[in-house]
Amino acid sequence: MIIDFRIRPPFKSFMNLEIIQGWRQGLDPDPRKMKPTGFERRFVPSVAEGSIDLMVKEMDAAGITYGVIMGRQTSNPVYGDADNADVYELTRLYPGRFFGFGGIAPTSPTALEDMEQCAKKYGFKGIAIDAGWCNPPLPPGDPALEPIMDLAEQLGLIVVFTMSAYVGPNLSFTDPGPMLPMLRRHKKVNVVFAHGCWPKIQEALGVALLCRNVYLSPDCYFYVRNMPMQMEITRAANSFLKHRLLFASSYPIRGFEQCVENWGERGLDKDSLACSLYHNAAELLGL
């Protein structure tokens, strides 16, 4: 069994996301203009057709038993938002297949109310924050995140921070170092760094070494062949991060089958590979 910890499905408001629209257009024929994560990408029928049913069939073919669907709330028209109600509807359409995480914008005056709804009305396991895309962008460790973490602890919610080179106005938004005091204050809150804070991989590993409540889900920044800093993730996963590395496809970046195949080629030992593909996420999600 495999758990995919980050899927952006071709479903309702998700279709407005820049990442869905961009990959549906296919790869740029000019290799100099191609997205770096498009390197060696195979054609994905469900992305091209925008079909949720086909996507689920592709999950089956890749051996993916469960998927985590994350909403997005940023109030930023450039990247688009994905409604939490649509995440909930998808979990109802495919009972037992998907775990919902609500998108939360810490800059929104209704952020805490939205979190209550995610936990109590929708029964979501966690929340997803794209702080660098918020309007205005929130740098790592911003005080506005404190009440979010406080309530997450009360509600027992996992908190996912999406952090990478694309998420924020500059690369300082990829550095998790300033978050260290906040993470230490909230040791009971399990935190996931989606995209693994690339290119600040060493900083992310340092934070994870110091904070046992921190998980890394580096997705395409790990499974794309020859991605810089890849070996540092492998070394950590084969040692202290063995039980806190999470597999994620970040679909639609690549198809599920190719992601699973490429993930298995990154040098993880047998136990670490099994943990990253299923056991770590299963424990985190309470399966």
C-alpha atoms as a PDB file:
ATOM      1  CA  MET A   1       0.000   0.000   0.000  1.00  0.00           C
ATOM      2  CA  ILE A   2       1.054   3.597  -0.676  1.00  0.00           C
ATOM      3  CA  ILE A   3      -0.170   6.924   0.693  1.00  0.00           C
ATOM      4  CA  ASP A   4       0.251   9.972  -1.542  1.00  0.00           C
ATOM      5  CA  PHE A   5       0.507  12.972   0.764  1.00  0.00           C
ATOM      6  CA  ARG A   6      -0.197  15.708  -1.801  1.00  0.00           C
ATOM      7  CA  ILE A   7      -2.645  15.558  -4.703  1.00  0.00           C
ATOM      8  CA  ARG A   8      -4.217  18.501  -6.566  1.00  0.00           C
ATOM      9  CA  PRO A   9      -7.135  16.772  -8.329  1.00  0.00           C
ATOM     10  CA  PRO A  10      -8.892  17.853 -11.543  1.00  0.00           C
ATOM     11  CA  PHE A  11     -12.071  18.681  -9.632  1.00  0.00           C
ATOM     12  CA  LYS A  12     -14.227  21.813  -9.408  1.00  0.00           C
ATOM     13  CA  SER A  13     -12.311  24.812  -7.987  1.00  0.00           C
ATOM     14  CA  PHE A  14      -8.995  22.956  -8.284  1.00  0.00           C
ATOM     15  CA  MET A  15      -9.317  23.446 -12.034  1.00  0.00           C
ATOM     16  CA  ASN A  16      -8.675  27.168 -11.450  1.00  0.00           C
ATOM     17  CA  LEU A  17      -5.269  26.556  -9.890  1.00  0.00           C
ATOM     18  CA  GLU A  18      -2.344  27.741 -11.959  1.00  0.00           C
ATOM     19  CA  ILE A  19      -0.604  24.389 -11.524  1.00  0.00           C
ATOM     20  CA  ILE A  20      -3.575  22.473 -12.972  1.00  0.00           C
ATOM     21  CA  GLN A  21      -3.990  24.855 -15.889  1.00  0.00           C
ATOM     22  CA  GLY A  22      -0.266  24.908 -16.599  1.00  0.00           C
ATOM     23  CA  TRP A  23       0.223  21.135 -16.744  1.00  0.00           C
ATOM     24  CA  ARG A  24      -2.917  20.670 -18.828  1.00  0.00           C
ATOM     25  CA  GLN A  25      -1.193  22.732 -21.511  1.00  0.00           C
ATOM     26  CA  GLY A  26       1.627  20.187 -21.609  1.00  0.00           C
ATOM     27  CA  LEU A  27       5.379  20.715 -21.794  1.00  0.00           C
ATOM     28  CA  ASP A  28       6.939  23.626 -23.641  1.00  0.00           C
ATOM     29  CA  PRO A  29       8.715  22.221 -26.731  1.00  0.00           C
ATOM     30  CA  ASP A  30      11.636  24.583 -26.072  1.00  0.00           C
ATOM     31  CA  PRO A  31      13.767  22.792 -23.427  1.00  0.00           C
ATOM     32  CA  ARG A  32      15.090  26.148 -22.199  1.00  0.00           C
ATOM     33  CA  LYS A  33      11.557  27.232 -21.301  1.00  0.00           C
ATOM     34  CA  MET A  34      10.427  23.908 -19.861  1.00  0.00           C
ATOM     35  CA  LYS A  35       9.477  23.821 -16.191  1.00  0.00           C
ATOM     36  CA  PRO A  36      12.368  22.260 -14.235  1.00  0.00           C
ATOM     37  CA  THR A  37       9.967  19.700 -12.753  1.00  0.00           C
ATOM     38  CA  GLY A  38       8.928  18.739 -16.285  1.00  0.00           C
ATOM     39  CA  PHE A  39      12.283  17.053 -16.909  1.00  0.00           C
ATOM     40  CA  GLU A  40      11.573  13.506 -18.217  1.00  0.00           C
ATOM     41  CA  ARG A  41       7.849  13.855 -17.428  1.00  0.00           C
ATOM     42  CA  ARG A  42       5.584  11.317 -19.129  1.00  0.00           C
ATOM     43  CA  PHE A  43       2.161  12.100 -20.531  1.00  0.00           C
ATOM     44  CA  VAL A  44      -0.615  11.872 -17.915  1.00  0.00           C
ATOM     45  CA  PRO A  45      -4.045  11.128 -19.474  1.00  0.00           C
ATOM     46  CA  SER A  46      -6.112  12.226 -16.452  1.00  0.00           C
ATOM     47  CA  VAL A  47      -4.404  15.621 -16.427  1.00  0.00           C
ATOM     48  CA  ALA A  48      -4.929  16.162 -20.140  1.00  0.00           C
ATOM     49  CA  GLU A  49      -8.587  15.120 -19.923  1.00  0.00           C
ATOM     50  CA  GLY A  50      -9.258  16.796 -16.590  1.00  0.00           C
ATOM     51  CA  SER A  51     -10.933  13.614 -15.335  1.00  0.00           C
ATOM     52  CA  ILE A  52     -11.179  12.797 -11.632  1.00  0.00           C
ATOM     53  CA  ASP A  53     -12.438   9.271 -12.348  1.00  0.00           C
ATOM     54  CA  LEU A  54      -9.453   8.598 -14.588  1.00  0.00           C
ATOM     55  CA  MET A  55      -7.161  10.028 -11.922  1.00  0.00           C
ATOM     56  CA  VAL A  56      -8.469   7.504  -9.385  1.00  0.00           C
ATOM     57  CA  LYS A  57      -7.897   4.683 -11.880  1.00  0.00           C
ATOM     58  CA  GLU A  58      -4.315   5.889 -12.322  1.00  0.00           C
ATOM     59  CA  MET A  59      -3.899   5.812  -8.538  1.00  0.00           C
ATOM     60  CA  ASP A  60      -5.097   2.200  -8.552  1.00  0.00           C
ATOM     61  CA  ALA A  61      -2.640   1.285 -11.300  1.00  0.00           C
ATOM     62  CA  ALA A  62       0.231   2.788  -9.281  1.00  0.00           C
ATOM     63  CA  GLY A  63      -0.744   0.971  -6.086  1.00  0.00           C
ATOM     64  CA  ILE A  64      -1.754   4.151  -4.259  1.00  0.00           C
ATOM     65  CA  THR A  65      -4.372   3.283  -1.652  1.00  0.00           C
ATOM     66  CA  TYR A  66      -4.955   6.691  -0.069  1.00  0.00           C
ATOM     67  CA  GLY A  67      -4.418  10.289  -1.096  1.00  0.00           C
ATOM     68  CA  VAL A  68      -4.269  13.576   0.789  1.00  0.00           C
ATOM     69  CA  ILE A  69      -6.196  16.420  -0.846  1.00  0.00           C
ATOM     70  CA  MET A  70      -5.230  19.913   0.267  1.00  0.00           C
ATOM     71  CA  GLY A  71      -7.326  23.008  -0.227  1.00  0.00           C
ATOM     72  CA  ARG A  72      -5.740  26.386  -0.893  1.00  0.00           C
ATOM     73  CA  GLN A  73      -6.745  29.797   0.416  1.00  0.00           C
ATOM     74  CA  THR A  74      -4.466  32.721  -0.408  1.00  0.00           C
ATOM     75  CA  SER A  75      -6.688  35.524  -1.785  1.00  0.00           C
ATOM     76  CA  ASN A  76      -4.066  35.737  -4.524  1.00  0.00           C
ATOM     77  CA  PRO A  77      -5.657  35.703  -8.008  1.00  0.00           C
ATOM     78  CA  VAL A  78      -2.374  34.733  -9.671  1.00  0.00           C
ATOM     79  CA  TYR A  79      -2.288  31.212  -8.218  1.00  0.00           C
ATOM     80  CA  GLY A  80      -5.964  30.590  -7.552  1.00  0.00           C
ATOM     81  CA  ASP A  81      -7.746  29.058  -4.579  1.00  0.00           C
ATOM     82  CA  ALA A  82      -9.275  25.616  -4.019  1.00  0.00           C
ATOM     83  CA  ASP A  83     -12.404  25.598  -1.870  1.00  0.00           C
ATOM     84  CA  ASN A  84     -12.491  23.512   1.277  1.00  0.00           C
ATOM     85  CA  ALA A  85     -16.085  22.575   0.461  1.00  0.00           C
ATOM     86  CA  ASP A  86     -14.816  20.944  -2.735  1.00  0.00           C
ATOM     87  CA  VAL A  87     -12.211  18.990  -0.772  1.00  0.00           C
ATOM     88  CA  TYR A  88     -14.978  17.747   1.508  1.00  0.00           C
ATOM     89  CA  GLU A  89     -17.205  16.823  -1.438  1.00  0.00           C
ATOM     90  CA  LEU A  90     -14.407  14.786  -2.995  1.00  0.00           C
ATOM     91  CA  THR A  91     -13.867  12.851   0.237  1.00  0.00           C
ATOM     92  CA  ARG A  92     -17.587  12.040   0.193  1.00  0.00           C
ATOM     93  CA  LEU A  93     -17.574  10.977  -3.464  1.00  0.00           C
ATOM     94  CA  TYR A  94     -14.794   8.464  -2.775  1.00  0.00           C
ATOM     95  CA  PRO A  95     -15.377   7.329   0.837  1.00  0.00           C
ATOM     96  CA  GLY A  96     -12.240   6.087   2.571  1.00  0.00           C
ATOM     97  CA  ARG A  97      -9.993   7.029  -0.355  1.00  0.00           C
ATOM     98  CA  PHE A  98      -8.979  10.596   0.427  1.00  0.00           C
ATOM     99  CA  PHE A  99      -8.013  12.553   3.520  1.00  0.00           C
ATOM    100  CA  GLY A 100      -9.002  16.214   3.438  1.00  0.00           C
ATOM    101  CA  PHE A 101      -6.786  19.077   4.555  1.00  0.00           C
ATOM    102  CA  GLY A 102      -8.365  22.523   4.554  1.00  0.00           C
ATOM    103  CA  GLY A 103      -6.681  25.482   2.925  1.00  0.00           C
ATOM    104  CA  ILE A 104      -6.162  28.292   5.441  1.00  0.00           C
ATOM    105  CA  ALA A 105      -4.973  31.846   4.774  1.00  0.00           C
ATOM    106  CA  PRO A 106      -3.437  33.179   8.022  1.00  0.00           C
ATOM    107  CA  THR A 107      -4.005  36.719   6.708  1.00  0.00           C
ATOM    108  CA  SER A 108      -7.777  36.165   6.504  1.00  0.00           C
ATOM    109  CA  PRO A 109      -9.948  37.589   9.310  1.00  0.00           C
ATOM    110  CA  THR A 110     -11.890  34.296   9.285  1.00  0.00           C
ATOM    111  CA  ALA A 111      -8.811  32.019   9.465  1.00  0.00           C
ATOM    112  CA  LEU A 112      -9.573  30.616  12.923  1.00  0.00           C
ATOM    113  CA  GLU A 113     -13.248  30.211  12.111  1.00  0.00           C
ATOM    114  CA  ASP A 114     -12.268  28.364   8.930  1.00  0.00           C
ATOM    115  CA  MET A 115     -10.069  26.026  10.957  1.00  0.00           C
ATOM    116  CA  GLU A 116     -12.952  25.235  13.304  1.00  0.00           C
ATOM    117  CA  GLN A 117     -15.106  24.393  10.291  1.00  0.00           C
ATOM    118  CA  CYS A 118     -12.415  22.151   8.808  1.00  0.00           C
ATOM    119  CA  ALA A 119     -12.092  20.166  12.020  1.00  0.00           C
ATOM    120  CA  LYS A 120     -15.665  20.055  13.282  1.00  0.00           C
ATOM    121  CA  LYS A 121     -17.855  20.219  10.166  1.00  0.00           C
ATOM    122  CA  TYR A 122     -15.669  18.521   7.573  1.00  0.00           C
ATOM    123  CA  GLY A 123     -13.673  16.205   9.825  1.00  0.00           C
ATOM    124  CA  PHE A 124     -10.392  17.083   8.110  1.00  0.00           C
ATOM    125  CA  LYS A 125      -7.111  15.712   9.430  1.00  0.00           C
ATOM    126  CA  GLY A 126      -5.170  18.917   8.937  1.00  0.00           C
ATOM    127  CA  ILE A 127      -4.757  22.288   7.288  1.00  0.00           C
ATOM    128  CA  ALA A 128      -2.558  23.533   4.444  1.00  0.00           C
ATOM    129  CA  ILE A 129      -0.891  26.944   4.411  1.00  0.00           C
ATOM    130  CA  ASP A 130       0.722  28.609   1.380  1.00  0.00           C
ATOM    131  CA  ALA A 131       2.110  31.554   3.334  1.00  0.00           C
ATOM    132  CA  GLY A 132       4.379  32.845   0.569  1.00  0.00           C
ATOM    133  CA  TRP A 133       1.418  33.200  -1.782  1.00  0.00           C
ATOM    134  CA  CYS A 134      -0.847  34.956   0.694  1.00  0.00           C
ATOM    135  CA  ASN A 135      -1.842  38.560   0.118  1.00  0.00           C
ATOM    136  CA  PRO A 136       0.349  39.980   1.577  1.00  0.00           C
ATOM    137  CA  PRO A 137       2.971  37.198   1.708  1.00  0.00           C
ATOM    138  CA  LEU A 138       3.824  35.930   5.185  1.00  0.00           C
ATOM    139  CA  PRO A 139       7.511  35.194   5.838  1.00  0.00           C
ATOM    140  CA  PRO A 140       8.476  32.070   7.813  1.00  0.00           C
ATOM    141  CA  GLY A 141       7.923  32.528  11.532  1.00  0.00           C
ATOM    142  CA  ASP A 142       5.621  35.537  11.141  1.00  0.00           C
ATOM    143  CA  PRO A 143       3.678  36.260  14.374  1.00  0.00           C
ATOM    144  CA  ALA A 144       0.408  35.874  12.436  1.00  0.00           C
ATOM    145  CA  LEU A 145       1.085  32.119  12.425  1.00  0.00           C
ATOM    146  CA  GLU A 146       1.023  31.820  16.230  1.00  0.00           C
ATOM    147  CA  PRO A 147      -2.783  31.773  16.672  1.00  0.00           C
ATOM    148  CA  ILE A 148      -2.980  29.253  13.822  1.00  0.00           C
ATOM    149  CA  MET A 149      -0.580  26.943  15.633  1.00  0.00           C
ATOM    150  CA  ASP A 150      -2.358  27.498  18.955  1.00  0.00           C
ATOM    151  CA  LEU A 151      -5.713  26.445  17.522  1.00  0.00           C
ATOM    152  CA  ALA A 152      -4.190  23.561  15.557  1.00  0.00           C
ATOM    153  CA  GLU A 153      -2.865  22.198  18.840  1.00  0.00           C
ATOM    154  CA  GLN A 154      -6.295  22.502  20.462  1.00  0.00           C
ATOM    155  CA  LEU A 155      -8.053  20.837  17.519  1.00  0.00           C
ATOM    156  CA  GLY A 156      -5.420  18.151  16.938  1.00  0.00           C
ATOM    157  CA  LEU A 157      -4.795  19.248  13.348  1.00  0.00           C
ATOM    158  CA  ILE A 158      -1.683  18.532  11.282  1.00  0.00           C
ATOM    159  CA  VAL A 159      -0.264  21.734   9.768  1.00  0.00           C
ATOM    160  CA  VAL A 160       1.269  21.636   6.279  1.00  0.00           C
ATOM    161  CA  PHE A 161       3.440  24.537   5.147  1.00  0.00           C
ATOM    162  CA  THR A 162       4.118  24.647   1.404  1.00  0.00           C
ATOM    163  CA  MET A 163       7.625  26.045   1.000  1.00  0.00           C
ATOM    164  CA  SER A 164       9.809  26.002  -2.114  1.00  0.00           C
ATOM    165  CA  ALA A 165      11.427  28.286  -4.659  1.00  0.00           C
ATOM    166  CA  TYR A 166       8.112  29.022  -6.380  1.00  0.00           C
ATOM    167  CA  VAL A 167       6.158  29.856  -3.211  1.00  0.00           C
ATOM    168  CA  GLY A 168       6.969  33.419  -2.222  1.00  0.00           C
ATOM    169  CA  PRO A 169       8.416  36.663  -3.577  1.00  0.00           C
ATOM    170  CA  ASN A 170      12.026  35.633  -2.863  1.00  0.00           C
ATOM    171  CA  LEU A 171      14.056  32.666  -1.639  1.00  0.00           C
ATOM    172  CA  SER A 172      14.019  33.800   1.987  1.00  0.00           C
ATOM    173  CA  PHE A 173      10.473  32.416   2.072  1.00  0.00           C
ATOM    174  CA  THR A 174      11.905  28.910   1.624  1.00  0.00           C
ATOM    175  CA  ASP A 175      14.024  29.074   4.798  1.00  0.00           C
ATOM    176  CA  PRO A 176      12.360  27.298   7.753  1.00  0.00           C
ATOM    177  CA  GLY A 177      15.036  28.453  10.205  1.00  0.00           C
ATOM    178  CA  PRO A 178      13.011  31.418  11.522  1.00  0.00           C
ATOM    179  CA  MET A 179      10.176  28.997  12.342  1.00  0.00           C
ATOM    180  CA  LEU A 180      12.272  27.064  14.855  1.00  0.00           C
ATOM    181  CA  PRO A 181      11.127  28.936  18.007  1.00  0.00           C
ATOM    182  CA  MET A 182       7.478  28.552  16.993  1.00  0.00           C
ATOM    183  CA  LEU A 183       7.899  24.852  16.234  1.00  0.00           C
ATOM    184  CA  ARG A 184       9.551  24.303  19.607  1.00  0.00           C
ATOM    185  CA  ARG A 185       6.701  26.092  21.377  1.00  0.00           C
ATOM    186  CA  HIS A 186       4.186  23.824  19.675  1.00  0.00           C
ATOM    187  CA  LYS A 187       5.788  20.400  20.067  1.00  0.00           C
ATOM    188  CA  LYS A 188       2.391  18.701  20.049  1.00  0.00           C
ATOM    189  CA  VAL A 189       1.559  20.004  16.560  1.00  0.00           C
ATOM    190  CA  ASN A 190       2.790  17.771  13.755  1.00  0.00           C
ATOM    191  CA  VAL A 191       4.119  19.944  10.938  1.00  0.00           C
ATOM    192  CA  VAL A 192       4.816  18.911   7.343  1.00  0.00           C
ATOM    193  CA  PHE A 193       7.023  20.889   4.956  1.00  0.00           C
ATOM    194  CA  ALA A 194       5.506  20.245   1.524  1.00  0.00           C
ATOM    195  CA  HIS A 195       8.077  20.648  -1.278  1.00  0.00           C
ATOM    196  CA  GLY A 196      10.705  20.195   1.460  1.00  0.00           C
ATOM    197  CA  CYS A 197      11.675  23.908   1.559  1.00  0.00           C
ATOM    198  CA  TRP A 198      13.768  23.434  -1.599  1.00  0.00           C
ATOM    199  CA  PRO A 199      16.389  24.832  -2.180  1.00  0.00           C
ATOM    200  CA  LYS A 200      16.878  25.336   1.572  1.00  0.00           C
ATOM    201  CA  ILE A 201      17.111  21.575   2.040  1.00  0.00           C
ATOM    202  CA  GLN A 202      19.919  21.618   4.595  1.00  0.00           C
ATOM    203  CA  GLU A 203      18.039  24.173   6.688  1.00  0.00           C
ATOM    204  CA  ALA A 204      14.904  22.003   6.533  1.00  0.00           C
ATOM    205  CA  LEU A 205      16.878  18.940   7.590  1.00  0.00           C
ATOM    206  CA  GLY A 206      18.420  20.910  10.434  1.00  0.00           C
ATOM    207  CA  VAL A 207      14.994  21.977  11.684  1.00  0.00           C
ATOM    208  CA  ALA A 208      13.713  18.397  11.370  1.00  0.00           C
ATOM    209  CA  LEU A 209      16.712  17.118  13.306  1.00  0.00           C
ATOM    210  CA  LEU A 210      15.934  19.516  16.161  1.00  0.00           C
ATOM    211  CA  CYS A 211      12.131  19.169  16.069  1.00  0.00           C
ATOM    212  CA  ARG A 212      10.709  15.656  16.147  1.00  0.00           C
ATOM    213  CA  ASN A 213       7.267  16.990  15.220  1.00  0.00           C
ATOM    214  CA  VAL A 214       8.536  18.043  11.762  1.00  0.00           C
ATOM    215  CA  TYR A 215       8.047  15.873   8.667  1.00  0.00           C
ATOM    216  CA  LEU A 216       9.433  16.447   5.169  1.00  0.00           C
ATOM    217  CA  SER A 217       7.468  15.814   1.999  1.00  0.00           C
ATOM    218  CA  PRO A 218       9.866  16.954  -0.749  1.00  0.00           C
ATOM    219  CA  ASP A 219       7.810  15.427  -3.610  1.00  0.00           C
ATOM    220  CA  CYS A 220       9.143  16.540  -7.024  1.00  0.00           C
ATOM    221  CA  TYR A 221      12.293  17.999  -5.481  1.00  0.00           C
ATOM    222  CA  PHE A 222      13.229  14.467  -4.520  1.00  0.00           C
ATOM    223  CA  TYR A 223      11.848  12.182  -7.215  1.00  0.00           C
ATOM    224  CA  VAL A 224      12.938  14.217 -10.282  1.00  0.00           C
ATOM    225  CA  ARG A 225      16.257  12.717 -11.339  1.00  0.00           C
ATOM    226  CA  ASN A 226      19.411  14.747 -10.586  1.00  0.00           C
ATOM    227  CA  MET A 227      17.570  17.464  -8.664  1.00  0.00           C
ATOM    228  CA  PRO A 228      20.192  19.334  -6.596  1.00  0.00           C
ATOM    229  CA  MET A 229      20.308  18.499  -2.858  1.00  0.00           C
ATOM    230  CA  GLN A 230      18.608  15.170  -3.523  1.00  0.00           C
ATOM    231  CA  MET A 231      21.318  13.085  -1.867  1.00  0.00           C
ATOM    232  CA  GLU A 232      21.056  15.063   1.376  1.00  0.00           C
ATOM    233  CA  ILE A 233      17.422  13.966   1.655  1.00  0.00           C
ATOM    234  CA  THR A 234      18.384  10.348   0.965  1.00  0.00           C
ATOM    235  CA  ARG A 235      21.088  10.394   3.641  1.00  0.00           C
ATOM    236  CA  ALA A 236      18.705  11.876   6.196  1.00  0.00           C
ATOM    237  CA  ALA A 237      15.936   9.421   5.305  1.00  0.00           C
ATOM    238  CA  ASN A 238      18.326   6.515   5.737  1.00  0.00           C
ATOM    239  CA  SER A 239      19.175   7.791   9.227  1.00  0.00           C
ATOM    240  CA  PHE A 240      17.394  10.219  11.590  1.00  0.00           C
ATOM    241  CA  LEU A 241      14.538  11.118   9.205  1.00  0.00           C
ATOM    242  CA  LYS A 242      13.594   7.504   8.480  1.00  0.00           C
ATOM    243  CA  HIS A 243      10.216   7.798  10.196  1.00  0.00           C
ATOM    244  CA  ARG A 244       9.432  11.360   9.054  1.00  0.00           C
ATOM    245  CA  LEU A 245       9.832  11.371   5.268  1.00  0.00           C
ATOM    246  CA  LEU A 246       6.530  11.308   3.353  1.00  0.00           C
ATOM    247  CA  PHE A 247       5.962  10.259  -0.242  1.00  0.00           C
ATOM    248  CA  ALA A 248       3.947  12.704  -2.334  1.00  0.00           C
ATOM    249  CA  SER A 249       3.422  12.992  -6.064  1.00  0.00           C
ATOM    250  CA  SER A 250       2.221  16.605  -6.047  1.00  0.00           C
ATOM    251  CA  TYR A 251       0.016  15.491  -8.937  1.00  0.00           C
ATOM    252  CA  PRO A 252      -0.408  16.907 -11.603  1.00  0.00           C
ATOM    253  CA  ILE A 253       3.346  17.561 -11.737  1.00  0.00           C
ATOM    254  CA  ARG A 254       3.746  13.908 -12.735  1.00  0.00           C
ATOM    255  CA  GLY A 255       1.591  10.838 -13.011  1.00  0.00           C
ATOM    256  CA  PHE A 256       1.360   8.505 -10.025  1.00  0.00           C
ATOM    257  CA  GLU A 257       3.069   5.520 -11.607  1.00  0.00           C
ATOM    258  CA  GLN A 258       6.098   7.539 -12.673  1.00  0.00           C
ATOM    259  CA  CYS A 259       6.317   9.220  -9.257  1.00  0.00           C
ATOM    260  CA  VAL A 260       6.332   5.898  -7.404  1.00  0.00           C
ATOM    261  CA  GLU A 261       8.914   4.525  -9.836  1.00  0.00           C
ATOM    262  CA  ASN A 262      11.196   7.564  -9.578  1.00  0.00           C
ATOM    263  CA  TRP A 263      10.859   7.767  -5.783  1.00  0.00           C
ATOM    264  CA  GLY A 264      12.101   4.191  -5.536  1.00  0.00           C
ATOM    265  CA  GLU A 265      15.211   5.081  -7.553  1.00  0.00           C
ATOM    266  CA  ARG A 266      16.537   7.725  -5.167  1.00  0.00           C
ATOM    267  CA  GLY A 267      18.680   5.443  -3.008  1.00  0.00           C
ATOM    268  CA  LEU A 268      16.444   4.861   0.006  1.00  0.00           C
ATOM    269  CA  ASP A 269      17.174   1.600   1.799  1.00  0.00           C
ATOM    270  CA  LYS A 270      14.406  -1.010   1.918  1.00  0.00           C
ATOM    271  CA  ASP A 271      13.027  -0.038   5.320  1.00  0.00           C
ATOM    272  CA  SER A 272      13.226   3.709   4.687  1.00  0.00           C
ATOM    273  CA  LEU A 273      11.473   3.301   1.350  1.00  0.00           C
ATOM    274  CA  ALA A 274       8.634   1.333   2.937  1.00  0.00           C
ATOM    275  CA  CYS A 275       8.319   3.882   5.728  1.00  0.00           C
ATOM    276  CA  SER A 276       8.202   6.832   3.330  1.00  0.00           C
ATOM    277  CA  LEU A 277       5.664   5.223   0.998  1.00  0.00           C
ATOM    278  CA  TYR A 278       3.181   4.168   3.657  1.00  0.00           C
ATOM    279  CA  HIS A 279       4.053   3.660   7.324  1.00  0.00           C
ATOM    280  CA  ASN A 280       5.075   7.234   8.189  1.00  0.00           C
ATOM    281  CA  ALA A 281       1.950   8.767   6.686  1.00  0.00           C
ATOM    282  CA  ALA A 282      -0.272   6.042   8.128  1.00  0.00           C
ATOM    283  CA  GLU A 283       0.956   6.783  11.641  1.00  0.00           C
ATOM    284  CA  LEU A 284       0.681  10.543  11.110  1.00  0.00           C
ATOM    285  CA  LEU A 285      -2.898  10.233   9.832  1.00  0.00           C
ATOM    286  CA  GLY A 286      -3.858   7.868  12.626  1.00  0.00           C
ATOM    287  CA  LEU A 287      -4.586   4.817  10.476  1.00  0.00           C
END
